[in-house]
């Protein structure tokens, strides 16, 4: 299973890493993006959609409402860390 994690989740995971909280338990890999996707109402979040697409990710975990509102992008479901942990 391939999962893309947005910046909000990375920061939460790093901040609370010693506590092994939900964001820390949901960490994943790197993919080089080209900046060609324009699918989110916040253009700053398009990189996560592109990364998900290039990685053929099953899930994109996010805490960002602009991404979560989409629900999915191509083959990738966009979910909160808690939803991801329940689904895996």
PDB file of N, CA and C in Angstrom:
ATOM      1  N   UNK A   1       0.845  -1.167   0.000  1.00  0.00           N
ATOM      2  CA  UNK A   1       0.000   0.000   0.000  1.00  0.00           C
ATOM      3  C   UNK A   1       0.894   1.234   0.000  1.00  0.00           C
ATOM      4  N   UNK A   2       0.574   2.184  -0.860  1.00  0.00           N
ATOM      5  CA  UNK A   2       1.326   3.434  -0.931  1.00  0.00           C
ATOM      6  C   UNK A   2       0.443   4.555  -0.411  1.00  0.00           C
ATOM      7  N   UNK A   3       1.003   5.370   0.465  1.00  0.00           N
ATOM      8  CA  UNK A   3       0.268   6.458   1.096  1.00  0.00           C
ATOM      9  C   UNK A   3       1.084   7.741   0.991  1.00  0.00           C
ATOM     10  N   UNK A   4       0.441   8.848   0.612  1.00  0.00           N
ATOM     11  CA  UNK A   4       1.080  10.160   0.581  1.00  0.00           C
ATOM     12  C   UNK A   4       0.612  10.931   1.806  1.00  0.00           C
ATOM     13  N   UNK A   5       1.523  11.660   2.435  1.00  0.00           N
ATOM     14  CA  UNK A   5       1.207  12.372   3.669  1.00  0.00           C
ATOM     15  C   UNK A   5       1.464  13.862   3.465  1.00  0.00           C
ATOM     16  N   UNK A   6       0.488  14.691   3.794  1.00  0.00           N
ATOM     17  CA  UNK A   6       0.653  16.137   3.596  1.00  0.00           C
ATOM     18  C   UNK A   6       1.522  16.755   4.692  1.00  0.00           C
ATOM     19  N   UNK A   7       1.917  18.005   4.477  1.00  0.00           N
ATOM     20  CA  UNK A   7       2.827  18.714   5.385  1.00  0.00           C
ATOM     21  C   UNK A   7       2.302  18.791   6.808  1.00  0.00           C
ATOM     22  N   UNK A   8       1.003  19.042   6.943  1.00  0.00           N
ATOM     23  CA  UNK A   8       0.375  19.139   8.261  1.00  0.00           C
ATOM     24  C   UNK A   8       0.635  17.879   9.078  1.00  0.00           C
ATOM     25  N   UNK A   9       0.502  16.727   8.443  1.00  0.00           N
ATOM     26  CA  UNK A   9       0.696  15.449   9.143  1.00  0.00           C
ATOM     27  C   UNK A   9       2.174  15.246   9.480  1.00  0.00           C
ATOM     28  N   UNK A  10       3.085  15.597   8.535  1.00  0.00           N
ATOM     29  CA  UNK A  10       4.521  15.477   8.817  1.00  0.00           C
ATOM     30  C   UNK A  10       4.911  16.319  10.021  1.00  0.00           C
ATOM     31  N   UNK A  11       4.441  17.558  10.049  1.00  0.00           N
ATOM     32  CA  UNK A  11       4.783  18.449  11.163  1.00  0.00           C
ATOM     33  C   UNK A  11       4.232  17.902  12.476  1.00  0.00           C
ATOM     34  N   UNK A  12       2.990  17.431  12.446  1.00  0.00           N
ATOM     35  CA  UNK A  12       2.406  16.842  13.654  1.00  0.00           C
ATOM     36  C   UNK A  12       3.203  15.625  14.106  1.00  0.00           C
ATOM     37  N   UNK A  13       3.605  14.802  13.155  1.00  0.00           N
ATOM     38  CA  UNK A  13       4.365  13.598  13.487  1.00  0.00           C
ATOM     39  C   UNK A  13       5.714  13.964  14.100  1.00  0.00           C
ATOM     40  N   UNK A  14       6.376  14.951  13.516  1.00  0.00           N
ATOM     41  CA  UNK A  14       7.678  15.361  14.048  1.00  0.00           C
ATOM     42  C   UNK A  14       7.558  16.007  15.422  1.00  0.00           C
ATOM     43  N   UNK A  15       6.520  16.796  15.603  1.00  0.00           N
ATOM     44  CA  UNK A  15       6.319  17.481  16.875  1.00  0.00           C
ATOM     45  C   UNK A  15       6.009  16.500  18.004  1.00  0.00           C
ATOM     46  N   UNK A  16       5.243  15.474  17.682  1.00  0.00           N
ATOM     47  CA  UNK A  16       4.805  14.532  18.711  1.00  0.00           C
ATOM     48  C   UNK A  16       5.447  13.157  18.550  1.00  0.00           C
ATOM     49  N   UNK A  17       6.574  13.067  17.863  1.00  0.00           N
ATOM     50  CA  UNK A  17       7.213  11.787  17.550  1.00  0.00           C
ATOM     51  C   UNK A  17       7.481  10.916  18.774  1.00  0.00           C
ATOM     52  N   UNK A  18       7.874  11.528  19.872  1.00  0.00           N
ATOM     53  CA  UNK A  18       8.190  10.741  21.066  1.00  0.00           C
ATOM     54  C   UNK A  18       6.952  10.096  21.674  1.00  0.00           C
ATOM     55  N   UNK A  19       5.790  10.665  21.368  1.00  0.00           N
ATOM     56  CA  UNK A  19       4.547  10.133  21.938  1.00  0.00           C
ATOM     57  C   UNK A  19       3.922   9.044  21.080  1.00  0.00           C
ATOM     58  N   UNK A  20       4.463   8.839  19.871  1.00  0.00           N
ATOM     59  CA  UNK A  20       3.927   7.813  18.956  1.00  0.00           C
ATOM     60  C   UNK A  20       2.431   7.996  18.714  1.00  0.00           C
ATOM     61  N   UNK A  21       2.024   9.244  18.451  1.00  0.00           N
ATOM     62  CA  UNK A  21       0.623   9.553  18.180  1.00  0.00           C
ATOM     63  C   UNK A  21       0.201   9.110  16.795  1.00  0.00           C
ATOM     64  N   UNK A  22      -1.048   9.362  16.460  1.00  0.00           N
ATOM     65  CA  UNK A  22      -1.628   8.960  15.186  1.00  0.00           C
ATOM     66  C   UNK A  22      -0.808   9.460  13.990  1.00  0.00           C
ATOM     67  N   UNK A  23      -0.419  10.754  13.913  1.00  0.00           N
ATOM     68  CA  UNK A  23       0.378  11.194  12.762  1.00  0.00           C
ATOM     69  C   UNK A  23       1.707  10.460  12.637  1.00  0.00           C
ATOM     70  N   UNK A  24       2.354  10.164  13.765  1.00  0.00           N
ATOM     71  CA  UNK A  24       3.643   9.465  13.746  1.00  0.00           C
ATOM     72  C   UNK A  24       3.494   8.054  13.193  1.00  0.00           C
ATOM     73  N   UNK A  25       2.383   7.412  13.486  1.00  0.00           N
ATOM     74  CA  UNK A  25       2.159   6.037  13.029  1.00  0.00           C
ATOM     75  C   UNK A  25       1.840   5.952  11.536  1.00  0.00           C
ATOM     76  N   UNK A  26       1.567   7.089  10.901  1.00  0.00           N
ATOM     77  CA  UNK A  26       1.119   7.088   9.508  1.00  0.00           C
ATOM     78  C   UNK A  26       2.152   7.648   8.513  1.00  0.00           C
ATOM     79  N   UNK A  27       3.474   7.504   8.782  1.00  0.00           N
ATOM     80  CA  UNK A  27       4.477   8.091   7.884  1.00  0.00           C
ATOM     81  C   UNK A  27       4.831   7.203   6.684  1.00  0.00           C
ATOM     82  N   UNK A  28       5.250   7.773   5.498  1.00  0.00           N
ATOM     83  CA  UNK A  28       5.567   7.096   4.189  1.00  0.00           C
ATOM     84  C   UNK A  28       6.670   7.595   3.227  1.00  0.00           C
ATOM     85  N   UNK A  29       6.973   7.411   1.772  1.00  0.00           N
ATOM     86  CA  UNK A  29       8.137   7.580   0.861  1.00  0.00           C
ATOM     87  C   UNK A  29       8.212   8.889   0.021  1.00  0.00           C
ATOM     88  N   UNK A  30       9.321   9.099  -0.706  1.00  0.00           N
ATOM     89  CA  UNK A  30       9.503  10.296  -1.545  1.00  0.00           C
ATOM     90  C   UNK A  30       9.274  10.010  -3.027  1.00  0.00           C
ATOM     91  N   UNK A  31       8.668  10.991  -3.721  1.00  0.00           N
ATOM     92  CA  UNK A  31       8.457  10.926  -5.167  1.00  0.00           C
ATOM     93  C   UNK A  31       8.791  12.309  -5.725  1.00  0.00           C
ATOM     94  N   UNK A  32       9.523  12.366  -6.841  1.00  0.00           N
ATOM     95  CA  UNK A  32       9.868  13.655  -7.460  1.00  0.00           C
ATOM     96  C   UNK A  32       8.685  14.154  -8.293  1.00  0.00           C
ATOM     97  N   UNK A  33       8.246  15.384  -8.021  1.00  0.00           N
ATOM     98  CA  UNK A  33       7.107  15.947  -8.747  1.00  0.00           C
ATOM     99  C   UNK A  33       7.574  17.021  -9.727  1.00  0.00           C
ATOM    100  N   UNK A  34       6.694  17.332 -10.724  1.00  0.00           N
ATOM    101  CA  UNK A  34       7.034  18.301 -11.759  1.00  0.00           C
ATOM    102  C   UNK A  34       6.203  19.583 -11.684  1.00  0.00           C
ATOM    103  N   UNK A  35       5.189  19.619 -10.838  1.00  0.00           N
ATOM    104  CA  UNK A  35       4.361  20.812 -10.715  1.00  0.00           C
ATOM    105  C   UNK A  35       3.343  20.969 -11.830  1.00  0.00           C
ATOM    106  N   UNK A  36       2.813  19.859 -12.327  1.00  0.00           N
ATOM    107  CA  UNK A  36       1.891  19.902 -13.465  1.00  0.00           C
ATOM    108  C   UNK A  36       0.420  19.743 -13.099  1.00  0.00           C
ATOM    109  N   UNK A  37       0.117  19.371 -11.876  1.00  0.00           N
ATOM    110  CA  UNK A  37      -1.271  19.133 -11.467  1.00  0.00           C
ATOM    111  C   UNK A  37      -1.896  20.416 -10.937  1.00  0.00           C
ATOM    112  N   UNK A  38      -3.141  20.656 -11.329  1.00  0.00           N
ATOM    113  CA  UNK A  38      -3.911  21.799 -10.831  1.00  0.00           C
ATOM    114  C   UNK A  38      -5.320  21.296 -10.523  1.00  0.00           C
ATOM    115  N   UNK A  39      -5.506  20.701  -9.341  1.00  0.00           N
ATOM    116  CA  UNK A  39      -6.789  20.098  -9.035  1.00  0.00           C
ATOM    117  C   UNK A  39      -7.376  20.501  -7.699  1.00  0.00           C
ATOM    118  N   UNK A  40      -6.651  21.283  -6.909  1.00  0.00           N
ATOM    119  CA  UNK A  40      -7.104  21.658  -5.576  1.00  0.00           C
ATOM    120  C   UNK A  40      -7.443  23.150  -5.538  1.00  0.00           C
ATOM    121  N   UNK A  41      -8.399  23.510  -4.708  1.00  0.00           N
ATOM    122  CA  UNK A  41      -8.750  24.934  -4.609  1.00  0.00           C
ATOM    123  C   UNK A  41      -7.607  25.756  -4.014  1.00  0.00           C
ATOM    124  N   UNK A  42      -6.685  25.116  -3.304  1.00  0.00           N
ATOM    125  CA  UNK A  42      -5.468  25.768  -2.821  1.00  0.00           C
ATOM    126  C   UNK A  42      -4.310  25.258  -3.684  1.00  0.00           C
ATOM    127  N   UNK A  43      -3.799  26.074  -4.609  1.00  0.00           N
ATOM    128  CA  UNK A  43      -2.726  25.629  -5.504  1.00  0.00           C
ATOM    129  C   UNK A  43      -1.494  25.101  -4.773  1.00  0.00           C
ATOM    130  N   UNK A  44      -1.276  25.517  -3.533  1.00  0.00           N
ATOM    131  CA  UNK A  44      -0.151  25.020  -2.747  1.00  0.00           C
ATOM    132  C   UNK A  44      -0.277  23.553  -2.384  1.00  0.00           C
ATOM    133  N   UNK A  45      -1.485  23.013  -2.499  1.00  0.00           N
ATOM    134  CA  UNK A  45      -1.715  21.598  -2.174  1.00  0.00           C
ATOM    135  C   UNK A  45      -1.671  20.691  -3.395  1.00  0.00           C
ATOM    136  N   UNK A  46      -1.574  21.273  -4.588  1.00  0.00           N
ATOM    137  CA  UNK A  46      -1.534  20.465  -5.806  1.00  0.00           C
ATOM    138  C   UNK A  46      -0.371  19.494  -5.827  1.00  0.00           C
ATOM    139  N   UNK A  47       0.740  19.860  -5.169  1.00  0.00           N
ATOM    140  CA  UNK A  47       1.902  18.968  -5.140  1.00  0.00           C
ATOM    141  C   UNK A  47       1.571  17.626  -4.485  1.00  0.00           C
ATOM    142  N   UNK A  48       0.662  17.628  -3.517  1.00  0.00           N
ATOM    143  CA  UNK A  48       0.285  16.377  -2.861  1.00  0.00           C
ATOM    144  C   UNK A  48      -0.552  15.511  -3.794  1.00  0.00           C
ATOM    145  N   UNK A  49      -1.394  16.159  -4.595  1.00  0.00           N
ATOM    146  CA  UNK A  49      -2.192  15.420  -5.579  1.00  0.00           C
ATOM    147  C   UNK A  49      -1.277  14.815  -6.647  1.00  0.00           C
ATOM    148  N   UNK A  50      -0.310  15.602  -7.114  1.00  0.00           N
ATOM    149  CA  UNK A  50       0.632  15.106  -8.123  1.00  0.00           C
ATOM    150  C   UNK A  50       1.474  13.962  -7.563  1.00  0.00           C
ATOM    151  N   UNK A  51       1.951  14.127  -6.355  1.00  0.00           N
ATOM    152  CA  UNK A  51       2.739  13.075  -5.713  1.00  0.00           C
ATOM    153  C   UNK A  51       1.931  11.795  -5.592  1.00  0.00           C
ATOM    154  N   UNK A  52       0.688  11.917  -5.187  1.00  0.00           N
ATOM    155  CA  UNK A  52      -0.198  10.758  -5.055  1.00  0.00           C
ATOM    156  C   UNK A  52      -0.391  10.061  -6.387  1.00  0.00           C
ATOM    157  N   UNK A  53      -0.590  10.855  -7.439  1.00  0.00           N
ATOM    158  CA  UNK A  53      -0.794  10.302  -8.772  1.00  0.00           C
ATOM    159  C   UNK A  53       0.458   9.597  -9.272  1.00  0.00           C
ATOM    160  N   UNK A  54       1.615  10.257  -9.171  1.00  0.00           N
ATOM    161  CA  UNK A  54       2.871   9.663  -9.644  1.00  0.00           C
ATOM    162  C   UNK A  54       3.236   8.392  -8.876  1.00  0.00           C
ATOM    163  N   UNK A  55       2.943   8.394  -7.589  1.00  0.00           N
ATOM    164  CA  UNK A  55       3.262   7.232  -6.753  1.00  0.00           C
ATOM    165  C   UNK A  55       2.209   6.137  -6.867  1.00  0.00           C
ATOM    166  N   UNK A  56       1.110   6.447  -7.565  1.00  0.00           N
ATOM    167  CA  UNK A  56      -0.028   5.520  -7.640  1.00  0.00           C
ATOM    168  C   UNK A  56      -0.483   5.139  -6.236  1.00  0.00           C
ATOM    169  N   UNK A  57      -0.581   6.176  -5.394  1.00  0.00           N
ATOM    170  CA  UNK A  57      -0.909   5.984  -3.986  1.00  0.00           C
ATOM    171  C   UNK A  57      -2.352   5.536  -3.789  1.00  0.00           C
ATOM    172  N   UNK A  58      -2.547   4.684  -2.822  1.00  0.00           N
ATOM    173  CA  UNK A  58      -3.889   4.261  -2.437  1.00  0.00           C
ATOM    174  C   UNK A  58      -4.552   5.341  -1.592  1.00  0.00           C
ATOM    175  N   UNK A  59      -3.754   5.984  -0.748  1.00  0.00           N
ATOM    176  CA  UNK A  59      -4.268   6.998   0.173  1.00  0.00           C
ATOM    177  C   UNK A  59      -3.370   8.224   0.190  1.00  0.00           C
ATOM    178  N   UNK A  60      -3.981   9.369   0.401  1.00  0.00           N
ATOM    179  CA  UNK A  60      -3.298  10.619   0.728  1.00  0.00           C
ATOM    180  C   UNK A  60      -3.855  11.007   2.088  1.00  0.00           C
ATOM    181  N   UNK A  61      -3.023  10.986   3.115  1.00  0.00           N
ATOM    182  CA  UNK A  61      -3.487  11.385   4.444  1.00  0.00           C
ATOM    183  C   UNK A  61      -3.255  12.873   4.593  1.00  0.00           C
ATOM    184  N   UNK A  62      -4.253  13.564   5.093  1.00  0.00           N
ATOM    185  CA  UNK A  62      -4.174  15.020   5.175  1.00  0.00           C
ATOM    186  C   UNK A  62      -4.939  15.533   6.382  1.00  0.00           C
ATOM    187  N   UNK A  63      -4.527  16.713   6.824  1.00  0.00           N
ATOM    188  CA  UNK A  63      -5.257  17.425   7.859  1.00  0.00           C
ATOM    189  C   UNK A  63      -5.801  18.721   7.275  1.00  0.00           C
ATOM    190  N   UNK A  64      -5.562  18.919   5.994  1.00  0.00           N
ATOM    191  CA  UNK A  64      -5.911  20.135   5.278  1.00  0.00           C
ATOM    192  C   UNK A  64      -7.300  20.012   4.651  1.00  0.00           C
ATOM    193  N   UNK A  65      -8.191  20.931   4.993  1.00  0.00           N
ATOM    194  CA  UNK A  65      -9.573  20.869   4.504  1.00  0.00           C
ATOM    195  C   UNK A  65      -9.675  21.011   2.990  1.00  0.00           C
ATOM    196  N   UNK A  66      -8.737  21.759   2.374  1.00  0.00           N
ATOM    197  CA  UNK A  66      -8.767  21.896   0.916  1.00  0.00           C
ATOM    198  C   UNK A  66      -8.552  20.556   0.226  1.00  0.00           C
ATOM    199  N   UNK A  67      -7.727  19.702   0.806  1.00  0.00           N
ATOM    200  CA  UNK A  67      -7.517  18.362   0.262  1.00  0.00           C
ATOM    201  C   UNK A  67      -8.636  17.414   0.680  1.00  0.00           C
ATOM    202  N   UNK A  68      -8.987  17.428   1.960  1.00  0.00           N
ATOM    203  CA  UNK A  68     -10.016  16.519   2.464  1.00  0.00           C
ATOM    204  C   UNK A  68     -11.357  16.713   1.765  1.00  0.00           C
ATOM    205  N   UNK A  69     -11.663  17.946   1.379  1.00  0.00           N
ATOM    206  CA  UNK A  69     -12.914  18.240   0.687  1.00  0.00           C
ATOM    207  C   UNK A  69     -13.016  17.472  -0.634  1.00  0.00           C
ATOM    208  N   UNK A  70     -11.882  17.226  -1.278  1.00  0.00           N
ATOM    209  CA  UNK A  70     -11.891  16.497  -2.543  1.00  0.00           C
ATOM    210  C   UNK A  70     -12.332  15.043  -2.365  1.00  0.00           C
ATOM    211  N   UNK A  71     -11.955  14.425  -1.257  1.00  0.00           N
ATOM    212  CA  UNK A  71     -12.339  13.035  -1.000  1.00  0.00           C
ATOM    213  C   UNK A  71     -11.511  12.020  -1.756  1.00  0.00           C
ATOM    214  N   UNK A  72     -11.110  12.351  -2.980  1.00  0.00           N
ATOM    215  CA  UNK A  72     -10.290  11.458  -3.806  1.00  0.00           C
ATOM    216  C   UNK A  72      -9.689  12.269  -4.946  1.00  0.00           C
ATOM    217  N   UNK A  73      -8.594  11.745  -5.485  1.00  0.00           N
ATOM    218  CA  UNK A  73      -7.987  12.306  -6.691  1.00  0.00           C
ATOM    219  C   UNK A  73      -7.522  11.130  -7.520  1.00  0.00           C
ATOM    220  N   UNK A  74      -8.123  10.987  -8.689  1.00  0.00           N
ATOM    221  CA  UNK A  74      -7.873   9.832  -9.555  1.00  0.00           C
ATOM    222  C   UNK A  74      -8.081   8.554  -8.737  1.00  0.00           C
ATOM    223  N   UNK A  75      -7.053   7.738  -8.559  1.00  0.00           N
ATOM    224  CA  UNK A  75      -7.223   6.464  -7.839  1.00  0.00           C
ATOM    225  C   UNK A  75      -6.948   6.574  -6.338  1.00  0.00           C
ATOM    226  N   UNK A  76      -6.610   7.762  -5.855  1.00  0.00           N
ATOM    227  CA  UNK A  76      -6.190   7.953  -4.471  1.00  0.00           C
ATOM    228  C   UNK A  76      -7.313   8.502  -3.599  1.00  0.00           C
ATOM    229  N   UNK A  77      -7.604   7.819  -2.495  1.00  0.00           N
ATOM    230  CA  UNK A  77      -8.564   8.325  -1.508  1.00  0.00           C
ATOM    231  C   UNK A  77      -7.845   9.318  -0.602  1.00  0.00           C
ATOM    232  N   UNK A  78      -8.493  10.442  -0.312  1.00  0.00           N
ATOM    233  CA  UNK A  78      -7.914  11.466   0.560  1.00  0.00           C
ATOM    234  C   UNK A  78      -8.616  11.383   1.912  1.00  0.00           C
ATOM    235  N   UNK A  79      -7.860  11.049   2.950  1.00  0.00           N
ATOM    236  CA  UNK A  79      -8.431  10.763   4.265  1.00  0.00           C
ATOM    237  C   UNK A  79      -7.602  11.397   5.385  1.00  0.00           C
ATOM    238  N   UNK A  80      -8.186  11.470   6.567  1.00  0.00           N
ATOM    239  CA  UNK A  80      -7.460  11.921   7.755  1.00  0.00           C
ATOM    240  C   UNK A  80      -6.557  10.773   8.225  1.00  0.00           C
ATOM    241  N   UNK A  81      -5.564  11.054   9.085  1.00  0.00           N
ATOM    242  CA  UNK A  81      -4.729   9.970   9.615  1.00  0.00           C
ATOM    243  C   UNK A  81      -5.552   8.899  10.333  1.00  0.00           C
ATOM    244  N   UNK A  82      -6.550   9.306  11.070  1.00  0.00           N
ATOM    245  CA  UNK A  82      -7.393   8.325  11.782  1.00  0.00           C
ATOM    246  C   UNK A  82      -8.137   7.430  10.807  1.00  0.00           C
ATOM    247  N   UNK A  83      -8.681   8.015   9.739  1.00  0.00           N
ATOM    248  CA  UNK A  83      -9.385   7.219   8.723  1.00  0.00           C
ATOM    249  C   UNK A  83      -8.425   6.239   8.041  1.00  0.00           C
ATOM    250  N   UNK A  84      -7.208   6.701   7.781  1.00  0.00           N
ATOM    251  CA  UNK A  84      -6.202   5.839   7.163  1.00  0.00           C
ATOM    252  C   UNK A  84      -5.870   4.652   8.078  1.00  0.00           C
ATOM    253  N   UNK A  85      -5.626   4.919   9.340  1.00  0.00           N
ATOM    254  CA  UNK A  85      -5.278   3.847  10.261  1.00  0.00           C
ATOM    255  C   UNK A  85      -6.403   2.818  10.408  1.00  0.00           C
ATOM    256  N   UNK A  86      -7.640   3.276  10.343  1.00  0.00           N
ATOM    257  CA  UNK A  86      -8.772   2.339  10.395  1.00  0.00           C
ATOM    258  C   UNK A  86      -8.882   1.505   9.128  1.00  0.00           C
ATOM    259  N   UNK A  87      -8.490   2.077   7.983  1.00  0.00           N
ATOM    260  CA  UNK A  87      -8.648   1.410   6.686  1.00  0.00           C
ATOM    261  C   UNK A  87      -7.533   0.422   6.360  1.00  0.00           C
ATOM    262  N   UNK A  88      -6.366   0.602   6.941  1.00  0.00           N
ATOM    263  CA  UNK A  88      -5.244  -0.240   6.531  1.00  0.00           C
ATOM    264  C   UNK A  88      -5.242  -1.597   7.100  1.00  0.00           C
TER     265      UNK A  88
END
